[in-house]
Amino acid sequence: PPIDNCATHSTADGSCSFCDADHTLKDNGCWCYPDVASCQTMDNTDGTCAACQQTYTLKDDGTECLPPIDNCATHSTADGSCSFCDADHTLKDDGFWCYPDVASCQTMDN
């Protein structure tokens, strides 16, 4: 049977030689994995992302490249939240926003 999302099948054994756009060929030629959005390097053994594009954070399981949070110094690889904000910024309680500190304010309400 034809392999889904395969652009070119081998005439010798029916394996896939090239996948459709936005798909990555499994190393044995029997499967075309959908590419992970914003992934720079796909892992052709299991269809996960090995490295994301610059500024994106790779999720622990390799299934997502998480978008950056402005003014975040350190992103969590579990869910893409921010662990620590840049200097002069305060982390919102939900971990997904770093807002600028207010001059002369001693305690920020986050």
PDB file of N, CA and C in Angstrom:
ATOM      1  N   PRO A   1       0.831  -1.203   0.000  1.00  0.00           N
ATOM      2  CA  PRO A   1       0.000   0.000   0.000  1.00  0.00           C
ATOM      3  C   PRO A   1       0.871   1.261   0.000  1.00  0.00           C
ATOM      4  N   PRO A   2       0.362   2.332  -0.574  1.00  0.00           N
ATOM      5  CA  PRO A   2       1.138   3.570  -0.599  1.00  0.00           C
ATOM      6  C   PRO A   2       1.325   4.144   0.809  1.00  0.00           C
ATOM      7  N   ILE A   3       2.407   4.848   0.989  1.00  0.00           N
ATOM      8  CA  ILE A   3       2.720   5.476   2.277  1.00  0.00           C
ATOM      9  C   ILE A   3       2.147   6.891   2.262  1.00  0.00           C
ATOM     10  N   ASP A   4       1.333   7.198   3.263  1.00  0.00           N
ATOM     11  CA  ASP A   4       0.727   8.537   3.354  1.00  0.00           C
ATOM     12  C   ASP A   4       1.798   9.620   3.381  1.00  0.00           C
ATOM     13  N   ASN A   5       1.540  10.701   2.669  1.00  0.00           N
ATOM     14  CA  ASN A   5       2.410  11.884   2.614  1.00  0.00           C
ATOM     15  C   ASN A   5       3.768  11.610   1.982  1.00  0.00           C
ATOM     16  N   CYS A   6       3.856  10.536   1.202  1.00  0.00           N
ATOM     17  CA  CYS A   6       5.091  10.221   0.488  1.00  0.00           C
ATOM     18  C   CYS A   6       5.002  10.813  -0.917  1.00  0.00           C
ATOM     19  N   ALA A   7       6.002  11.592  -1.289  1.00  0.00           N
ATOM     20  CA  ALA A   7       6.030  12.219  -2.611  1.00  0.00           C
ATOM     21  C   ALA A   7       6.595  11.266  -3.665  1.00  0.00           C
ATOM     22  N   THR A   8       7.585  10.468  -3.268  1.00  0.00           N
ATOM     23  CA  THR A   8       8.234   9.554  -4.210  1.00  0.00           C
ATOM     24  C   THR A   8       8.454   8.192  -3.561  1.00  0.00           C
ATOM     25  N   HIS A   9       7.837   7.161  -4.145  1.00  0.00           N
ATOM     26  CA  HIS A   9       8.021   5.790  -3.669  1.00  0.00           C
ATOM     27  C   HIS A   9       9.130   5.110  -4.467  1.00  0.00           C
ATOM     28  N   SER A  10       9.863   4.232  -3.813  1.00  0.00           N
ATOM     29  CA  SER A  10      10.896   3.452  -4.477  1.00  0.00           C
ATOM     30  C   SER A  10      10.224   2.365  -5.317  1.00  0.00           C
ATOM     31  N   THR A  11      10.663   2.211  -6.555  1.00  0.00           N
ATOM     32  CA  THR A  11      10.105   1.164  -7.412  1.00  0.00           C
ATOM     33  C   THR A  11      10.611  -0.218  -7.006  1.00  0.00           C
ATOM     34  N   ALA A  12      11.741  -0.254  -6.321  1.00  0.00           N
ATOM     35  CA  ALA A  12      12.323  -1.537  -5.932  1.00  0.00           C
ATOM     36  C   ALA A  12      11.539  -2.222  -4.808  1.00  0.00           C
ATOM     37  N   ASP A  13      11.219  -1.483  -3.744  1.00  0.00           N
ATOM     38  CA  ASP A  13      10.568  -2.128  -2.597  1.00  0.00           C
ATOM     39  C   ASP A  13       9.325  -1.393  -2.087  1.00  0.00           C
ATOM     40  N   GLY A  14       8.959  -0.303  -2.715  1.00  0.00           N
ATOM     41  CA  GLY A  14       7.763   0.435  -2.308  1.00  0.00           C
ATOM     42  C   GLY A  14       7.961   1.353  -1.130  1.00  0.00           C
ATOM     43  N   SER A  15       9.182   1.403  -0.603  1.00  0.00           N
ATOM     44  CA  SER A  15       9.443   2.322   0.507  1.00  0.00           C
ATOM     45  C   SER A  15       9.380   3.758  -0.001  1.00  0.00           C
ATOM     46  N   CYS A  16       9.395   4.690   0.901  1.00  0.00           N
ATOM     47  CA  CYS A  16       9.340   6.102   0.519  1.00  0.00           C
ATOM     48  C   CYS A  16      10.756   6.655   0.392  1.00  0.00           C
ATOM     49  N   SER A  17      10.987   7.390  -0.683  1.00  0.00           N
ATOM     50  CA  SER A  17      12.289   8.024  -0.887  1.00  0.00           C
ATOM     51  C   SER A  17      12.269   9.484  -0.466  1.00  0.00           C
ATOM     52  N   PHE A  18      11.133  10.151  -0.729  1.00  0.00           N
ATOM     53  CA  PHE A  18      10.976  11.569  -0.391  1.00  0.00           C
ATOM     54  C   PHE A  18       9.553  11.808   0.078  1.00  0.00           C
ATOM     55  N   CYS A  19       9.423  12.584   1.154  1.00  0.00           N
ATOM     56  CA  CYS A  19       8.100  12.922   1.687  1.00  0.00           C
ATOM     57  C   CYS A  19       7.593  14.230   1.090  1.00  0.00           C
ATOM     58  N   ASP A  20       6.272  14.427   1.246  1.00  0.00           N
ATOM     59  CA  ASP A  20       5.668  15.701   0.855  1.00  0.00           C
ATOM     60  C   ASP A  20       6.277  16.824   1.686  1.00  0.00           C
ATOM     61  N   ALA A  21       6.055  18.064   1.230  1.00  0.00           N
ATOM     62  CA  ALA A  21       6.523  19.225   1.988  1.00  0.00           C
ATOM     63  C   ALA A  21       5.951  19.164   3.400  1.00  0.00           C
ATOM     64  N   ASP A  22       6.687  19.661   4.363  1.00  0.00           N
ATOM     65  CA  ASP A  22       6.281  19.705   5.772  1.00  0.00           C
ATOM     66  C   ASP A  22       6.183  18.322   6.408  1.00  0.00           C
ATOM     67  N   HIS A  23       6.916  17.361   5.861  1.00  0.00           N
ATOM     68  CA  HIS A  23       6.982  16.017   6.436  1.00  0.00           C
ATOM     69  C   HIS A  23       8.434  15.544   6.410  1.00  0.00           C
ATOM     70  N   THR A  24       8.774  14.678   7.363  1.00  0.00           N
ATOM     71  CA  THR A  24      10.134  14.145   7.468  1.00  0.00           C
ATOM     72  C   THR A  24      10.088  12.629   7.311  1.00  0.00           C
ATOM     73  N   LEU A  25      10.982  12.111   6.510  1.00  0.00           N
ATOM     74  CA  LEU A  25      11.051  10.673   6.231  1.00  0.00           C
ATOM     75  C   LEU A  25      11.650   9.917   7.408  1.00  0.00           C
ATOM     76  N   LYS A  26      10.945   8.888   7.885  1.00  0.00           N
ATOM     77  CA  LYS A  26      11.493   8.011   8.928  1.00  0.00           C
ATOM     78  C   LYS A  26      12.712   7.318   8.348  1.00  0.00           C
ATOM     79  N   ASP A  27      13.690   7.048   9.192  1.00  0.00           N
ATOM     80  CA  ASP A  27      14.961   6.506   8.725  1.00  0.00           C
ATOM     81  C   ASP A  27      14.833   5.192   7.959  1.00  0.00           C
ATOM     82  N   ASN A  28      13.737   4.418   8.122  1.00  0.00           N
ATOM     83  CA  ASN A  28      13.599   3.169   7.383  1.00  0.00           C
ATOM     84  C   ASN A  28      12.771   3.311   6.102  1.00  0.00           C
ATOM     85  N   GLY A  29      12.288   4.536   5.818  1.00  0.00           N
ATOM     86  CA  GLY A  29      11.542   4.776   4.582  1.00  0.00           C
ATOM     87  C   GLY A  29      10.113   4.288   4.592  1.00  0.00           C
ATOM     88  N   CYS A  30       9.597   3.915   5.771  1.00  0.00           N
ATOM     89  CA  CYS A  30       8.240   3.363   5.845  1.00  0.00           C
ATOM     90  C   CYS A  30       7.209   4.341   6.396  1.00  0.00           C
ATOM     91  N   TRP A  31       7.599   5.553   6.666  1.00  0.00           N
ATOM     92  CA  TRP A  31       6.679   6.504   7.293  1.00  0.00           C
ATOM     93  C   TRP A  31       7.133   7.929   7.006  1.00  0.00           C
ATOM     94  N   CYS A  32       6.185   8.854   6.862  1.00  0.00           N
ATOM     95  CA  CYS A  32       6.486  10.280   6.748  1.00  0.00           C
ATOM     96  C   CYS A  32       5.837  10.998   7.933  1.00  0.00           C
ATOM     97  N   TYR A  33       6.662  11.519   8.803  1.00  0.00           N
ATOM     98  CA  TYR A  33       6.184  12.232   9.991  1.00  0.00           C
ATOM     99  C   TYR A  33       5.833  13.666   9.636  1.00  0.00           C
ATOM    100  N   PRO A  34       4.756  14.224  10.200  1.00  0.00           N
ATOM    101  CA  PRO A  34       4.500  15.655  10.019  1.00  0.00           C
ATOM    102  C   PRO A  34       5.558  16.464  10.780  1.00  0.00           C
ATOM    103  N   ASP A  35       6.064  17.510  10.164  1.00  0.00           N
ATOM    104  CA  ASP A  35       7.071  18.345  10.819  1.00  0.00           C
ATOM    105  C   ASP A  35       6.465  19.094  11.997  1.00  0.00           C
ATOM    106  N   VAL A  36       7.274  19.307  13.028  1.00  0.00           N
ATOM    107  CA  VAL A  36       6.884  20.112  14.183  1.00  0.00           C
ATOM    108  C   VAL A  36       7.073  21.576  13.798  1.00  0.00           C
ATOM    109  N   ALA A  37       6.054  22.403  14.020  1.00  0.00           N
ATOM    110  CA  ALA A  37       6.131  23.829  13.667  1.00  0.00           C
ATOM    111  C   ALA A  37       7.310  24.495  14.379  1.00  0.00           C
ATOM    112  N   SER A  38       8.031  25.320  13.646  1.00  0.00           N
ATOM    113  CA  SER A  38       9.192  26.086  14.133  1.00  0.00           C
ATOM    114  C   SER A  38      10.374  25.204  14.526  1.00  0.00           C
ATOM    115  N   CYS A  39      10.384  23.968  14.046  1.00  0.00           N
ATOM    116  CA  CYS A  39      11.500  23.061  14.315  1.00  0.00           C
ATOM    117  C   CYS A  39      12.575  23.260  13.250  1.00  0.00           C
ATOM    118  N   GLN A  40      13.802  23.353  13.703  1.00  0.00           N
ATOM    119  CA  GLN A  40      14.923  23.506  12.780  1.00  0.00           C
ATOM    120  C   GLN A  40      15.457  22.143  12.348  1.00  0.00           C
ATOM    121  N   THR A  41      15.500  21.156  13.277  1.00  0.00           N
ATOM    122  CA  THR A  41      16.036  19.838  12.980  1.00  0.00           C
ATOM    123  C   THR A  41      15.097  18.761  13.504  1.00  0.00           C
ATOM    124  N   MET A  42      14.510  18.000  12.584  1.00  0.00           N
ATOM    125  CA  MET A  42      13.632  16.905  12.972  1.00  0.00           C
ATOM    126  C   MET A  42      14.452  15.639  13.220  1.00  0.00           C
ATOM    127  N   ASP A  43      14.007  14.815  14.163  1.00  0.00           N
ATOM    128  CA  ASP A  43      14.619  13.518  14.446  1.00  0.00           C
ATOM    129  C   ASP A  43      13.908  12.486  13.576  1.00  0.00           C
ATOM    130  N   ASN A  44      14.607  11.888  12.631  1.00  0.00           N
ATOM    131  CA  ASN A  44      13.949  10.971  11.686  1.00  0.00           C
ATOM    132  C   ASN A  44      13.771   9.559  12.235  1.00  0.00           C
ATOM    133  N   THR A  45      14.111   9.335  13.509  1.00  0.00           N
ATOM    134  CA  THR A  45      13.864   8.022  14.096  1.00  0.00           C
ATOM    135  C   THR A  45      12.487   7.944  14.750  1.00  0.00           C
ATOM    136  N   ASP A  46      11.999   9.084  15.287  1.00  0.00           N
ATOM    137  CA  ASP A  46      10.718   9.045  15.990  1.00  0.00           C
ATOM    138  C   ASP A  46       9.773  10.204  15.664  1.00  0.00           C
ATOM    139  N   GLY A  47      10.176  11.094  14.771  1.00  0.00           N
ATOM    140  CA  GLY A  47       9.296  12.179  14.349  1.00  0.00           C
ATOM    141  C   GLY A  47       9.185  13.329  15.315  1.00  0.00           C
ATOM    142  N   THR A  48      10.078  13.395  16.282  1.00  0.00           N
ATOM    143  CA  THR A  48      10.088  14.525  17.204  1.00  0.00           C
ATOM    144  C   THR A  48      11.070  15.579  16.712  1.00  0.00           C
ATOM    145  N   CYS A  49      11.061  16.711  17.358  1.00  0.00           N
ATOM    146  CA  CYS A  49      11.994  17.778  17.011  1.00  0.00           C
ATOM    147  C   CYS A  49      13.249  17.628  17.854  1.00  0.00           C
ATOM    148  N   ALA A  50      14.401  17.749  17.225  1.00  0.00           N
ATOM    149  CA  ALA A  50      15.678  17.673  17.940  1.00  0.00           C
ATOM    150  C   ALA A  50      16.186  19.062  18.298  1.00  0.00           C
ATOM    151  N   ALA A  51      15.855  20.074  17.486  1.00  0.00           N
ATOM    152  CA  ALA A  51      16.291  21.447  17.752  1.00  0.00           C
ATOM    153  C   ALA A  51      15.309  22.426  17.115  1.00  0.00           C
ATOM    154  N   CYS A  52      14.922  23.416  17.892  1.00  0.00           N
ATOM    155  CA  CYS A  52      13.982  24.436  17.403  1.00  0.00           C
ATOM    156  C   CYS A  52      14.715  25.594  16.743  1.00  0.00           C
ATOM    157  N   GLN A  53      13.951  26.381  16.012  1.00  0.00           N
ATOM    158  CA  GLN A  53      14.498  27.607  15.446  1.00  0.00           C
ATOM    159  C   GLN A  53      14.908  28.528  16.596  1.00  0.00           C
ATOM    160  N   GLN A  54      15.826  29.440  16.277  1.00  0.00           N
ATOM    161  CA  GLN A  54      16.329  30.367  17.283  1.00  0.00           C
ATOM    162  C   GLN A  54      15.173  31.103  17.964  1.00  0.00           C
ATOM    163  N   THR A  55      15.264  31.327  19.243  1.00  0.00           N
ATOM    164  CA  THR A  55      14.317  31.993  20.149  1.00  0.00           C
ATOM    165  C   THR A  55      13.181  31.085  20.610  1.00  0.00           C
ATOM    166  N   TYR A  56      12.983  29.919  19.988  1.00  0.00           N
ATOM    167  CA  TYR A  56      11.948  28.991  20.443  1.00  0.00           C
ATOM    168  C   TYR A  56      12.553  28.004  21.440  1.00  0.00           C
ATOM    169  N   THR A  57      11.716  27.487  22.339  1.00  0.00           N
ATOM    170  CA  THR A  57      12.160  26.527  23.351  1.00  0.00           C
ATOM    171  C   THR A  57      11.594  25.155  23.018  1.00  0.00           C
ATOM    172  N   LEU A  58      12.465  24.152  22.982  1.00  0.00           N
ATOM    173  CA  LEU A  58      12.040  22.785  22.696  1.00  0.00           C
ATOM    174  C   LEU A  58      11.372  22.180  23.921  1.00  0.00           C
ATOM    175  N   LYS A  59      10.141  21.712  23.756  1.00  0.00           N
ATOM    176  CA  LYS A  59       9.426  21.052  24.845  1.00  0.00           C
ATOM    177  C   LYS A  59      10.134  19.740  25.180  1.00  0.00           C
ATOM    178  N   ASP A  60      10.089  19.360  26.458  1.00  0.00           N
ATOM    179  CA  ASP A  60      10.807  18.168  26.934  1.00  0.00           C
ATOM    180  C   ASP A  60      10.629  16.939  26.053  1.00  0.00           C
ATOM    181  N   ASP A  61       9.413  16.696  25.581  1.00  0.00           N
ATOM    182  CA  ASP A  61       9.153  15.479  24.801  1.00  0.00           C
ATOM    183  C   ASP A  61       9.402  15.648  23.301  1.00  0.00           C
ATOM    184  N   GLY A  62       9.853  16.838  22.877  1.00  0.00           N
ATOM    185  CA  GLY A  62      10.204  17.062  21.474  1.00  0.00           C
ATOM    186  C   GLY A  62       9.022  17.245  20.543  1.00  0.00           C
ATOM    187  N   THR A  63       7.813  17.372  21.086  1.00  0.00           N
ATOM    188  CA  THR A  63       6.619  17.469  20.247  1.00  0.00           C
ATOM    189  C   THR A  63       6.244  18.893  19.872  1.00  0.00           C
ATOM    190  N   GLU A  64       6.862  19.886  20.508  1.00  0.00           N
ATOM    191  CA  GLU A  64       6.535  21.281  20.222  1.00  0.00           C
ATOM    192  C   GLU A  64       7.759  22.166  20.355  1.00  0.00           C
ATOM    193  N   CYS A  65       7.753  23.234  19.568  1.00  0.00           N
ATOM    194  CA  CYS A  65       8.694  24.330  19.758  1.00  0.00           C
ATOM    195  C   CYS A  65       7.856  25.488  20.299  1.00  0.00           C
ATOM    196  N   LEU A  66       8.147  25.847  21.534  1.00  0.00           N
ATOM    197  CA  LEU A  66       7.326  26.824  22.239  1.00  0.00           C
ATOM    198  C   LEU A  66       7.804  28.239  21.942  1.00  0.00           C
ATOM    199  N   PRO A  67       6.867  29.158  21.677  1.00  0.00           N
ATOM    200  CA  PRO A  67       7.249  30.515  21.303  1.00  0.00           C
ATOM    201  C   PRO A  67       7.890  31.268  22.464  1.00  0.00           C
ATOM    202  N   PRO A  68       8.733  32.242  22.139  1.00  0.00           N
ATOM    203  CA  PRO A  68       9.402  33.004  23.188  1.00  0.00           C
ATOM    204  C   PRO A  68       8.436  33.940  23.909  1.00  0.00           C
ATOM    205  N   ILE A  69       8.792  34.278  25.133  1.00  0.00           N
ATOM    206  CA  ILE A  69       8.058  35.269  25.923  1.00  0.00           C
ATOM    207  C   ILE A  69       8.963  36.488  26.017  1.00  0.00           C
ATOM    208  N   ASP A  70       8.452  37.634  25.607  1.00  0.00           N
ATOM    209  CA  ASP A  70       9.247  38.862  25.632  1.00  0.00           C
ATOM    210  C   ASP A  70       9.803  39.121  27.036  1.00  0.00           C
ATOM    211  N   ASN A  71      11.059  39.508  27.106  1.00  0.00           N
ATOM    212  CA  ASN A  71      11.746  39.875  28.345  1.00  0.00           C
ATOM    213  C   ASN A  71      11.917  38.714  29.327  1.00  0.00           C
ATOM    214  N   CYS A  72      11.855  37.491  28.817  1.00  0.00           N
ATOM    215  CA  CYS A  72      12.079  36.313  29.653  1.00  0.00           C
ATOM    216  C   CYS A  72      13.533  35.878  29.513  1.00  0.00           C
ATOM    217  N   ALA A  73      14.200  35.686  30.642  1.00  0.00           N
ATOM    218  CA  ALA A  73      15.604  35.270  30.625  1.00  0.00           C
ATOM    219  C   ALA A  73      15.735  33.750  30.530  1.00  0.00           C
ATOM    220  N   THR A  74      14.810  33.011  31.185  1.00  0.00           N
ATOM    221  CA  THR A  74      14.875  31.552  31.205  1.00  0.00           C
ATOM    222  C   THR A  74      13.489  30.954  31.008  1.00  0.00           C
ATOM    223  N   HIS A  75      13.352  30.142  29.946  1.00  0.00           N
ATOM    224  CA  HIS A  75      12.073  29.478  29.653  1.00  0.00           C
ATOM    225  C   HIS A  75      12.070  28.054  30.203  1.00  0.00           C
ATOM    226  N   SER A  76      10.901  27.575  30.614  1.00  0.00           N
ATOM    227  CA  SER A  76      10.736  26.198  31.059  1.00  0.00           C
ATOM    228  C   SER A  76      10.556  25.299  29.840  1.00  0.00           C
ATOM    229  N   THR A  77      11.235  24.153  29.830  1.00  0.00           N
ATOM    230  CA  THR A  77      11.066  23.212  28.720  1.00  0.00           C
ATOM    231  C   THR A  77       9.857  22.309  28.932  1.00  0.00           C
ATOM    232  N   ALA A  78       9.220  22.398  30.084  1.00  0.00           N
ATOM    233  CA  ALA A  78       8.021  21.592  30.351  1.00  0.00           C
ATOM    234  C   ALA A  78       6.803  22.167  29.641  1.00  0.00           C
ATOM    235  N   ASP A  79       6.630  23.498  29.746  1.00  0.00           N
ATOM    236  CA  ASP A  79       5.421  24.102  29.175  1.00  0.00           C
ATOM    237  C   ASP A  79       5.658  25.435  28.470  1.00  0.00           C
ATOM    238  N   GLY A  80       6.912  25.879  28.392  1.00  0.00           N
ATOM    239  CA  GLY A  80       7.228  27.132  27.707  1.00  0.00           C
ATOM    240  C   GLY A  80       7.019  28.365  28.548  1.00  0.00           C
ATOM    241  N   SER A  81       6.634  28.180  29.806  1.00  0.00           N
ATOM    242  CA  SER A  81       6.449  29.344  30.678  1.00  0.00           C
ATOM    243  C   SER A  81       7.814  29.955  30.978  1.00  0.00           C
ATOM    244  N   CYS A  82       7.794  31.112  31.591  1.00  0.00           N
ATOM    245  CA  CYS A  82       9.032  31.794  31.952  1.00  0.00           C
ATOM    246  C   CYS A  82       9.373  31.464  33.397  1.00  0.00           C
ATOM    247  N   SER A  83      10.624  31.135  33.649  1.00  0.00           N
ATOM    248  CA  SER A  83      11.084  30.861  35.005  1.00  0.00           C
ATOM    249  C   SER A  83      11.659  32.114  35.644  1.00  0.00           C
ATOM    250  N   PHE A  84      12.385  32.900  34.835  1.00  0.00           N
ATOM    251  CA  PHE A  84      12.995  34.127  35.325  1.00  0.00           C
ATOM    252  C   PHE A  84      12.929  35.191  34.238  1.00  0.00           C
ATOM    253  N   CYS A  85      12.556  36.409  34.627  1.00  0.00           N
ATOM    254  CA  CYS A  85      12.489  37.533  33.683  1.00  0.00           C
ATOM    255  C   CYS A  85      13.827  38.257  33.625  1.00  0.00           C
ATOM    256  N   ASP A  86      13.986  39.064  32.581  1.00  0.00           N
ATOM    257  CA  ASP A  86      15.148  39.934  32.463  1.00  0.00           C
ATOM    258  C   ASP A  86      15.153  40.942  33.614  1.00  0.00           C
ATOM    259  N   ALA A  87      16.292  41.577  33.817  1.00  0.00           N
ATOM    260  CA  ALA A  87      16.392  42.618  34.843  1.00  0.00           C
ATOM    261  C   ALA A  87      15.340  43.699  34.598  1.00  0.00           C
ATOM    262  N   ASP A  88      14.842  44.272  35.650  1.00  0.00           N
ATOM    263  CA  ASP A  88      13.847  45.343  35.598  1.00  0.00           C
ATOM    264  C   ASP A  88      12.496  44.878  35.066  1.00  0.00           C
ATOM    265  N   HIS A  89      12.225  43.591  35.176  1.00  0.00           N
ATOM    266  CA  HIS A  89      10.930  43.015  34.786  1.00  0.00           C
ATOM    267  C   HIS A  89      10.464  42.050  35.868  1.00  0.00           C
ATOM    268  N   THR A  90       9.152  41.924  36.006  1.00  0.00           N
ATOM    269  CA  THR A  90       8.558  41.043  37.015  1.00  0.00           C
ATOM    270  C   THR A  90       7.717  39.986  36.316  1.00  0.00           C
ATOM    271  N   LEU A  91       7.825  38.765  36.811  1.00  0.00           N
ATOM    272  CA  LEU A  91       7.099  37.638  36.247  1.00  0.00           C
ATOM    273  C   LEU A  91       5.665  37.618  36.762  1.00  0.00           C
ATOM    274  N   LYS A  92       4.720  37.541  35.843  1.00  0.00           N
ATOM    275  CA  LYS A  92       3.312  37.415  36.215  1.00  0.00           C
ATOM    276  C   LYS A  92       3.101  36.035  36.820  1.00  0.00           C
ATOM    277  N   ASP A  93       2.131  35.900  37.723  1.00  0.00           N
ATOM    278  CA  ASP A  93       1.883  34.637  38.434  1.00  0.00           C
ATOM    279  C   ASP A  93       1.736  33.432  37.513  1.00  0.00           C
ATOM    280  N   ASP A  94       1.118  33.623  36.348  1.00  0.00           N
ATOM    281  CA  ASP A  94       0.896  32.479  35.458  1.00  0.00           C
ATOM    282  C   ASP A  94       2.164  32.038  34.721  1.00  0.00           C
ATOM    283  N   GLY A  95       3.228  32.848  34.809  1.00  0.00           N
ATOM    284  CA  GLY A  95       4.497  32.482  34.189  1.00  0.00           C
ATOM    285  C   GLY A  95       4.605  32.745  32.698  1.00  0.00           C
ATOM    286  N   PHE A  96       3.600  33.408  32.125  1.00  0.00           N
ATOM    287  CA  PHE A  96       3.627  33.624  30.682  1.00  0.00           C
ATOM    288  C   PHE A  96       3.725  35.091  30.280  1.00  0.00           C
ATOM    289  N   TRP A  97       4.166  35.937  31.207  1.00  0.00           N
ATOM    290  CA  TRP A  97       4.328  37.338  30.865  1.00  0.00           C
ATOM    291  C   TRP A  97       5.305  37.984  31.820  1.00  0.00           C
ATOM    292  N   CYS A  98       6.254  38.747  31.273  1.00  0.00           N
ATOM    293  CA  CYS A  98       7.193  39.539  32.068  1.00  0.00           C
ATOM    294  C   CYS A  98       6.865  41.004  31.789  1.00  0.00           C
ATOM    295  N   TYR A  99       6.456  41.706  32.813  1.00  0.00           N
ATOM    296  CA  TYR A  99       6.093  43.107  32.601  1.00  0.00           C
ATOM    297  C   TYR A  99       7.128  44.007  33.261  1.00  0.00           C
ATOM    298  N   PRO A 100       7.304  45.207  32.705  1.00  0.00           N
ATOM    299  CA  PRO A 100       8.341  46.109  33.218  1.00  0.00           C
ATOM    300  C   PRO A 100       8.024  46.590  34.632  1.00  0.00           C
ATOM    301  N   ASP A 101       9.066  46.678  35.440  1.00  0.00           N
ATOM    302  CA  ASP A 101       8.915  47.216  36.783  1.00  0.00           C
ATOM    303  C   ASP A 101       8.548  48.696  36.704  1.00  0.00           C
ATOM    304  N   VAL A 102       7.831  49.151  37.718  1.00  0.00           N
ATOM    305  CA  VAL A 102       7.443  50.556  37.819  1.00  0.00           C
ATOM    306  C   VAL A 102       8.494  51.254  38.682  1.00  0.00           C
ATOM    307  N   ALA A 103       9.031  52.353  38.180  1.00  0.00           N
ATOM    308  CA  ALA A 103      10.073  53.094  38.915  1.00  0.00           C
ATOM    309  C   ALA A 103       9.545  53.498  40.290  1.00  0.00           C
ATOM    310  N   SER A 104      10.399  53.358  41.298  1.00  0.00           N
ATOM    311  CA  SER A 104      10.120  53.737  42.688  1.00  0.00           C
ATOM    312  C   SER A 104       9.055  52.864  43.359  1.00  0.00           C
ATOM    313  N   CYS A 105       8.677  51.756  42.754  1.00  0.00           N
ATOM    314  CA  CYS A 105       7.699  50.853  43.363  1.00  0.00           C
ATOM    315  C   CYS A 105       8.468  49.799  44.157  1.00  0.00           C
ATOM    316  N   GLN A 106       8.091  49.606  45.420  1.00  0.00           N
ATOM    317  CA  GLN A 106       8.787  48.643  46.271  1.00  0.00           C
ATOM    318  C   GLN A 106       8.229  47.240  46.125  1.00  0.00           C
ATOM    319  N   THR A 107       6.915  47.101  45.881  1.00  0.00           N
ATOM    320  CA  THR A 107       6.298  45.791  45.744  1.00  0.00           C
ATOM    321  C   THR A 107       5.410  45.774  44.508  1.00  0.00           C
ATOM    322  N   MET A 108       5.713  44.838  43.601  1.00  0.00           N
ATOM    323  CA  MET A 108       4.908  44.712  42.382  1.00  0.00           C
ATOM    324  C   MET A 108       3.814  43.691  42.635  1.00  0.00           C
ATOM    325  N   ASP A 109       2.593  43.986  42.170  1.00  0.00           N
ATOM    326  CA  ASP A 109       1.476  43.040  42.244  1.00  0.00           C
ATOM    327  C   ASP A 109       1.446  42.259  40.942  1.00  0.00           C
ATOM    328  N   ASN A 110       1.737  40.971  41.009  1.00  0.00           N
ATOM    329  CA  ASN A 110       1.772  40.184  39.775  1.00  0.00           C
ATOM    330  C   ASN A 110       0.622  39.228  39.718  1.00  0.00           C
TER     331      ASN A 110
END
